[in-house]
C-alpha atoms as a PDB file:
ATOM      1  CA  MET A   1     -52.530  48.860  37.570  1.00  0.00           C
ATOM      2  CA  LYS A   2     -55.199  48.818  34.638  1.00  0.00           C
ATOM      3  CA  GLN A   3     -58.761  48.642  36.302  1.00  0.00           C
ATOM      4  CA  VAL A   4     -61.582  47.921  33.893  1.00  0.00           C
ATOM      5  CA  THR A   5     -65.606  47.552  34.222  1.00  0.00           C
ATOM      6  CA  ILE A   6     -67.248  43.843  33.907  1.00  0.00           C
ATOM      7  CA  HIS A   7     -68.525  44.745  30.933  1.00  0.00           C
ATOM      8  CA  ALA A   8     -65.494  46.150  29.425  1.00  0.00           C
ATOM      9  CA  ALA A   9     -63.684  43.070  30.549  1.00  0.00           C
ATOM     10  CA  LYS A  10     -65.990  41.229  28.510  1.00  0.00           C
ATOM     11  CA  THR A  11     -65.283  43.116  25.378  1.00  0.00           C
ATOM     12  CA  HIS A  12     -61.734  43.285  25.599  1.00  0.00           C
ATOM     13  CA  LEU A  13     -60.854  39.836  27.680  1.00  0.00           C
ATOM     14  CA  SER A  14     -57.859  38.598  24.743  1.00  0.00           C
ATOM     15  CA  LYS A  15     -56.685  41.992  25.297  1.00  0.00           C
ATOM     16  CA  LEU A  16     -56.794  42.247  29.452  1.00  0.00           C
ATOM     17  CA  ILE A  17     -54.954  38.649  29.376  1.00  0.00           C
ATOM     18  CA  GLU A  18     -52.128  39.232  27.102  1.00  0.00           C
ATOM     19  CA  ALA A  19     -51.556  42.432  29.259  1.00  0.00           C
ATOM     20  CA  ALA A  20     -51.350  39.854  32.311  1.00  0.00           C
ATOM     21  CA  LEU A  21     -49.068  37.759  30.783  1.00  0.00           C
ATOM     22  CA  ALA A  22     -46.898  40.619  30.042  1.00  0.00           C
ATOM     23  CA  GLY A  23     -46.464  41.817  33.896  1.00  0.00           C
ATOM     24  CA  GLU A  24     -49.648  44.142  33.971  1.00  0.00           C
ATOM     25  CA  GLU A  25     -51.538  43.786  36.930  1.00  0.00           C
ATOM     26  CA  VAL A  26     -55.079  43.760  35.916  1.00  0.00           C
ATOM     27  CA  VAL A  27     -57.837  44.306  37.921  1.00  0.00           C
ATOM     28  CA  ILE A  28     -62.078  43.896  37.014  1.00  0.00           C
ATOM     29  CA  ALA A  29     -64.311  45.692  38.951  1.00  0.00           C
ATOM     30  CA  LYS A  30     -67.867  46.165  39.643  1.00  0.00           C
ATOM     31  CA  GLY A  31     -68.893  49.751  39.243  1.00  0.00           C
ATOM     32  CA  HIS A  32     -66.163  51.190  40.801  1.00  0.00           C
ATOM     33  CA  LYS A  33     -65.301  48.456  43.329  1.00  0.00           C
ATOM     34  CA  PRO A  34     -62.387  46.050  42.749  1.00  0.00           C
ATOM     35  CA  VAL A  35     -63.763  42.474  42.862  1.00  0.00           C
ATOM     36  CA  VAL A  36     -61.317  40.369  41.082  1.00  0.00           C
ATOM     37  CA  ARG A  37     -57.614  40.496  39.909  1.00  0.00           C
ATOM     38  CA  LEU A  38     -56.269  38.920  36.650  1.00  0.00           C
ATOM     39  CA  VAL A  39     -52.989  36.982  37.248  1.00  0.00           C
ATOM     40  CA  PRO A  40     -51.110  34.216  35.033  1.00  0.00           C
ATOM     41  CA  ILE A  41     -50.572  31.004  36.309  1.00  0.00           C
ATOM     42  CA  ALA A  42     -46.859  30.314  36.651  1.00  0.00           C
ATOM     43  CA  ARG A  43     -45.809  27.744  34.615  1.00  0.00           C
ATOM     44  CA  GLN A  44     -43.204  25.065  35.967  1.00  0.00           C
ATOM     45  CA  PRO A  45     -40.284  23.980  33.434  1.00  0.00           C
ATOM     46  CA  PHE A  46     -40.097  20.606  32.099  1.00  0.00           C
ATOM     47  CA  LYS A  47     -37.887  18.534  33.766  1.00  0.00           C
ATOM     48  CA  ILE A  48     -36.120  15.730  32.180  1.00  0.00           C
ATOM     49  CA  GLY A  49     -35.451  12.701  33.786  1.00  0.00           C
ATOM     50  CA  LEU A  50     -38.225  12.953  36.319  1.00  0.00           C
ATOM     51  CA  LEU A  51     -38.560   9.586  37.647  1.00  0.00           C
ATOM     52  CA  LYS A  52     -34.701   8.452  36.773  1.00  0.00           C
ATOM     53  CA  ASP A  53     -34.291   7.282  40.514  1.00  0.00           C
ATOM     54  CA  GLU A  54     -37.692   5.561  40.807  1.00  0.00           C
ATOM     55  CA  LEU A  55     -37.567   3.562  38.099  1.00  0.00           C
ATOM     56  CA  GLY A  56     -34.378   1.801  38.282  1.00  0.00           C
ATOM     57  CA  ARG A  57     -32.386   0.432  35.289  1.00  0.00           C
ATOM     58  CA  GLY A  58     -34.112  -1.286  32.339  1.00  0.00           C
ATOM     59  CA  PRO A  59     -32.605  -3.819  29.789  1.00  0.00           C
ATOM     60  CA  ASP A  60     -28.975  -3.867  28.307  1.00  0.00           C
ATOM     61  CA  PHE A  61     -30.240  -3.981  24.783  1.00  0.00           C
ATOM     62  CA  PHE A  62     -26.430  -4.419  23.649  1.00  0.00           C
ATOM     63  CA  GLU A  63     -25.957  -7.322  26.065  1.00  0.00           C
ATOM     64  CA  PRO A  64     -25.712 -10.206  24.239  1.00  0.00           C
ATOM     65  CA  LEU A  65     -28.479 -12.944  24.757  1.00  0.00           C
ATOM     66  CA  PRO A  66     -28.137 -15.847  27.049  1.00  0.00           C
ATOM     67  CA  ASP A  67     -27.710 -18.913  24.894  1.00  0.00           C
ATOM     68  CA  ASP A  68     -31.126 -20.306  26.115  1.00  0.00           C
ATOM     69  CA  GLU A  69     -32.994 -17.352  24.878  1.00  0.00           C
ATOM     70  CA  LEU A  70     -31.000 -16.837  21.791  1.00  0.00           C
ATOM     71  CA  GLY A  71     -31.925 -20.384  20.610  1.00  0.00           C
ATOM     72  CA  PHE A  72     -35.656 -19.321  20.635  1.00  0.00           C
ATOM     73  CA  TRP A  73     -34.493 -16.198  18.401  1.00  0.00           C
ATOM     74  CA  GLU A  74     -32.935 -18.586  15.845  1.00  0.00           C
ATOM     75  CA  GLY A  75     -35.706 -21.001  15.645  1.00  0.00           C
ATOM     76  CA  GLY A  76     -34.334 -23.607  17.449  1.00  0.00           C
ATOM     77  CA  GLN A  77     -36.750 -24.769  20.469  1.00  0.00           C
END
Protein backbone atom coordinates (compact mmCIF):
# COMPACT_ATOMS: atom_id res chain seq x y z
CA MET A 1 0.00 0.00 0.00
CA LYS A 2 1.29 3.41 -0.97
CA GLN A 3 0.27 6.32 1.26
CA VAL A 4 0.98 9.90 0.23
CA THR A 5 0.01 13.30 1.56
CA ILE A 6 -2.41 15.57 -0.27
CA HIS A 7 0.47 17.83 -1.32
CA ALA A 8 2.43 14.90 -2.76
CA ALA A 9 -0.71 13.61 -4.46
CA LYS A 10 -1.21 16.96 -6.22
CA THR A 11 2.41 16.92 -7.35
CA HIS A 12 2.47 13.30 -8.54
CA LEU A 13 -1.16 12.66 -9.51
CA SER A 14 -0.45 11.09 -12.91
CA LYS A 15 2.06 8.64 -11.39
CA LEU A 16 -0.39 7.72 -8.65
CA ILE A 17 -3.13 7.10 -11.20
CA GLU A 18 -0.81 4.80 -13.17
CA ALA A 19 0.03 2.93 -9.95
CA ALA A 20 -3.67 2.47 -9.15
CA LEU A 21 -4.36 1.25 -12.70
CA ALA A 22 -1.53 -1.27 -12.28
CA GLY A 23 -3.31 -2.69 -9.22
CA GLU A 24 -1.42 -0.93 -6.47
CA GLU A 25 -3.45 0.43 -3.55
CA VAL A 26 -2.94 4.18 -3.25
CA VAL A 27 -4.12 6.05 -0.15
CA ILE A 28 -4.10 9.84 0.16
CA ALA A 29 -3.70 11.15 3.68
CA LYS A 30 -4.28 14.48 5.37
CA GLY A 31 -1.23 14.65 7.59
CA HIS A 32 -0.92 11.08 8.87
CA LYS A 33 -4.64 10.32 8.73
CA PRO A 34 -5.78 8.36 5.61
CA VAL A 35 -8.80 10.05 4.01
CA VAL A 36 -9.10 8.81 0.39
CA ARG A 37 -8.27 5.65 -1.51
CA LEU A 38 -7.51 5.91 -5.23
CA VAL A 39 -9.00 2.98 -7.19
CA PRO A 40 -9.55 2.45 -10.93
CA ILE A 41 -13.06 2.31 -12.38
CA ALA A 42 -13.94 -1.16 -13.64
CA ARG A 43 -14.49 -1.12 -17.40
CA GLN A 44 -17.23 -3.17 -19.01
CA PRO A 45 -16.25 -4.93 -22.23
CA PHE A 46 -18.03 -3.74 -25.36
CA LYS A 47 -20.81 -6.15 -26.30
CA ILE A 48 -21.77 -6.51 -29.95
CA GLY A 49 -25.43 -7.28 -30.60
CA LEU A 50 -26.66 -5.74 -27.39
CA LEU A 51 -30.18 -5.06 -28.79
CA LYS A 52 -30.31 -8.03 -31.17
CA ASP A 53 -33.39 -9.64 -29.60
CA GLU A 54 -35.19 -6.34 -28.93
CA LEU A 55 -35.14 -4.69 -32.35
CA GLY A 56 -36.52 -7.50 -34.45
CA ARG A 57 -35.51 -8.21 -37.99
CA GLY A 58 -34.86 -5.44 -40.49
CA PRO A 59 -35.67 -5.45 -44.20
CA ASP A 60 -33.99 -8.02 -46.42
CA PHE A 61 -32.25 -5.98 -49.09
CA PHE A 62 -31.55 -9.03 -51.24
CA GLU A 63 -35.21 -9.91 -51.74
CA PRO A 64 -36.75 -8.66 -55.01
CA LEU A 65 -39.08 -5.66 -54.75
CA PRO A 66 -42.81 -6.10 -55.25
CA ASP A 67 -43.92 -5.18 -58.80
CA ASP A 68 -45.78 -2.00 -57.76
CA GLU A 69 -42.75 -0.67 -55.86
CA LEU A 70 -40.35 -1.73 -58.61
CA GLY A 71 -42.39 0.35 -61.07
CA PHE A 72 -41.67 3.50 -59.11
CA TRP A 73 -37.93 2.82 -59.25
CA GLU A 74 -38.00 2.17 -62.97
CA GLY A 75 -39.73 5.46 -63.73
CA GLY A 76 -43.30 4.20 -63.97
CA GLN A 77 -46.23 5.63 -62.07
